[in-house]
Protein backbone atom coordinates (compact mmCIF):
# COMPACT_ATOMS: atom_id res chain seq x y z
CA MET A 1 0.06 -0.02 0.05
CA SER A 2 1.35 3.40 -0.85
CA GLU A 3 0.58 6.24 1.41
CA LYS A 4 -0.97 9.42 0.01
CA THR A 5 0.49 12.56 1.29
CA ILE A 6 -1.85 15.51 1.65
CA PRO A 7 -0.04 18.78 0.62
CA GLU A 8 0.19 21.24 3.57
CA PRO A 9 -1.71 24.57 2.85
CA ASP A 10 0.41 27.58 2.22
CA VAL A 11 -0.30 29.48 5.35
CA THR A 12 1.75 32.44 4.17
CA THR A 13 -0.55 33.44 1.50
CA ALA A 14 -3.78 32.07 2.91
CA LYS A 15 -5.15 35.39 4.02
CA MET A 16 -3.44 37.72 1.55
CA SER A 17 -5.11 39.56 -1.34
CA GLN A 18 -3.82 38.92 -4.81
CA GLU A 19 -1.94 42.09 -4.81
CA GLN A 20 -0.18 41.02 -1.51
CA ILE A 21 0.58 37.48 -3.04
CA ASN A 22 2.21 39.27 -5.98
CA ASP A 23 4.24 41.59 -3.99
CA PHE A 24 5.40 38.63 -1.65
CA ALA A 25 6.25 36.68 -4.81
CA GLU A 26 8.30 39.67 -6.06
CA LEU A 27 10.17 39.90 -2.74
CA GLU A 28 10.84 36.21 -2.63
CA SER A 29 12.36 36.31 -6.12
CA LEU A 30 14.51 39.37 -5.24
CA ALA A 31 15.63 37.80 -2.07
CA ALA A 32 16.50 34.60 -4.03
CA GLU A 33 18.55 36.50 -6.45
CA GLY A 34 20.53 38.08 -3.50
CA SER A 35 19.60 41.58 -4.89
CA ALA A 36 21.37 44.44 -3.28
CA PRO A 37 18.35 46.77 -3.45
CA ALA A 38 16.24 44.29 -1.28
CA ASP A 39 19.08 43.96 1.23
CA GLN A 40 19.49 47.77 1.38
CA ALA A 41 15.70 48.22 1.61
CA GLN A 42 15.60 45.62 4.50
CA ALA A 43 18.56 47.20 6.24
CA ALA A 44 16.85 50.68 5.97
CA ALA A 45 13.50 49.37 7.19
CA VAL A 46 15.42 47.88 10.18
CA GLU A 47 17.07 51.24 10.82
CA GLN A 48 13.83 53.16 10.49
CA MET A 49 12.07 50.82 13.05
CA ALA A 50 14.97 51.29 15.53
CA ILE A 51 14.53 55.04 15.03
CA ASN A 52 10.89 54.99 15.50
CA GLN A 53 11.16 52.69 18.59
CA VAL A 54 13.50 55.23 20.27
CA ASP A 55 11.17 58.03 19.46
CA GLU A 56 8.23 56.02 20.94
CA LEU A 57 9.97 54.99 24.01
CA THR A 58 11.23 58.61 24.46
CA GLY A 59 7.68 59.75 24.27
CA ILE A 60 6.46 57.04 26.78
CA LEU A 61 8.99 57.98 29.26
CA PHE A 62 8.46 61.78 28.75
CA THR A 63 4.67 61.36 29.14
CA ALA A 64 5.10 59.17 32.25
CA GLY A 65 7.19 61.77 33.72
CA ASN A 66 4.70 64.54 33.00
CA ILE A 67 1.78 62.41 34.38
CA LEU A 68 3.90 61.68 37.48
CA SER A 69 4.88 65.33 37.90
CA VAL A 70 1.27 66.24 38.44
CA LYS A 71 1.46 64.68 41.80
CA PHE A 72 5.23 64.86 42.30
CA PRO A 73 6.35 68.12 40.81
CA SER A 74 10.02 67.57 41.27
CA LEU A 75 9.87 64.72 38.80
CA GLY A 76 9.26 67.49 35.94
CA LYS A 77 13.07 68.21 36.46
CA VAL A 78 14.01 64.58 36.20
CA TYR A 79 11.92 63.41 33.15
CA VAL A 80 12.97 66.00 30.61
CA GLU A 81 12.94 65.05 26.90
CA GLU A 82 16.61 64.91 26.39
CA ARG A 83 17.22 62.67 29.33
CA CYS A 84 14.29 60.50 28.23
CA ARG A 85 15.90 60.22 24.78
CA LYS A 86 19.20 59.09 26.24
CA VAL A 87 17.43 56.49 28.38
CA ALA A 88 15.42 55.15 25.34
CA GLU A 89 18.56 55.03 23.06
CA SER A 90 20.20 52.94 26.10
CA LEU A 91 17.10 50.59 26.29
CA ASN A 92 16.47 50.17 22.55
CA PRO A 93 19.22 47.53 21.97
CA VAL A 94 17.89 45.62 24.91
CA PHE A 95 14.37 45.68 23.61
CA GLU A 96 15.66 44.55 20.20
CA LYS A 97 17.62 41.65 21.60
CA LEU A 98 14.60 40.52 23.47
CA GLY A 99 12.24 40.97 20.43
CA TRP A 100 10.22 43.62 22.13
CA ASN A 101 8.56 46.11 19.62
CA ILE A 102 6.88 48.91 21.17
CA THR A 103 6.15 50.72 17.84
CA GLY A 104 3.05 48.47 17.30
CA GLY A 105 1.01 50.23 19.97
CA ASP A 106 0.55 47.26 22.26
CA PHE A 107 3.40 48.32 24.51
CA ALA A 108 1.38 51.46 25.45
CA ILE A 109 -1.25 49.36 26.94
CA TYR A 110 1.24 47.94 29.28
CA ALA A 111 3.00 51.11 29.93
CA GLY A 112 -0.18 52.70 30.91
CA ALA A 113 -1.11 49.87 33.27
CA LEU A 114 2.42 49.93 34.75
CA ILE A 115 2.09 53.61 35.51
CA ALA A 116 -1.35 53.22 37.01
CA VAL A 117 -0.20 50.37 39.23
CA GLY A 118 2.88 52.37 40.28
CA MET A 119 0.79 55.33 41.35
CA LEU A 120 -1.57 52.96 43.28
CA ALA A 121 1.51 51.42 44.99
CA LYS A 122 3.03 54.77 45.99
CA ASP A 123 -0.26 56.01 47.34
CA THR A 124 -0.74 52.76 49.17
CA LYS A 125 2.79 53.17 50.75
CA ASP A 126 2.06 56.74 51.77
CA ALA A 127 -1.25 55.92 53.35
CA ILE A 128 0.31 53.03 55.32
CA GLN A 129 3.06 55.31 56.46
CA GLU A 130 0.46 57.92 57.57
CA ASP A 131 -1.43 55.48 59.52
CA LEU A 132 1.77 54.05 61.28
CA LYS A 133 2.94 57.54 61.99
CA ALA A 134 -0.55 58.31 63.71
CA ALA A 135 -0.52 55.25 65.62
CA HIS A 136 2.97 55.85 66.80
CA ILE A 137 2.11 59.50 67.89
CA GLU A 138 -0.95 58.22 69.67
CA ALA A 139 1.14 55.54 71.54
CA GLU A 140 3.47 58.25 72.56
CA ASN A 141 0.74 60.48 73.80
CA GLU A 142 -0.85 57.63 75.78
CA ALA A 143 2.59 56.65 77.33
CA MET A 144 3.26 60.24 78.30
CA ILE A 145 -0.19 60.60 79.87
CA ALA A 146 0.43 57.32 81.82
CA ALA A 147 3.79 58.57 82.99
CA GLY A 148 2.21 61.80 84.24
CA LEU A 149 4.20 63.93 81.86
CA ARG A 150 1.10 65.11 79.99
CA THR A 151 -2.57 65.72 80.68
CA ALA A 152 -5.18 64.26 78.63
């Protein structure tokens, strides 16, 4: 008995329009020829993506700083655009190595959530510190009254 093999569907082109399929075929043929323009175009696209990612990350950091500076005004001096750009330029190679792409827009969702959680955590810490400070002051007052050093 001979086994019949069922060809696998071409998932690359399954959801493409005819124009996209033609463009894809042209790019494949150029790549197969090892054409320099395709290599240059790809290199330019990668470079442009890196530039866009640095711009995007700079904007996220700068915006986060502006949002935080509403509650903490001194942060306005920390999160200046030039400094945010330097940090973004330093982070970009790490993002590329990890395969993180923030220019697609999905990253902004996570960044916004992180900022919101960070603000909540900070407010939680401040509230707990206020409660502990008030409890400590109350305990000191009661001890001083008990010792006769202060009247109620």
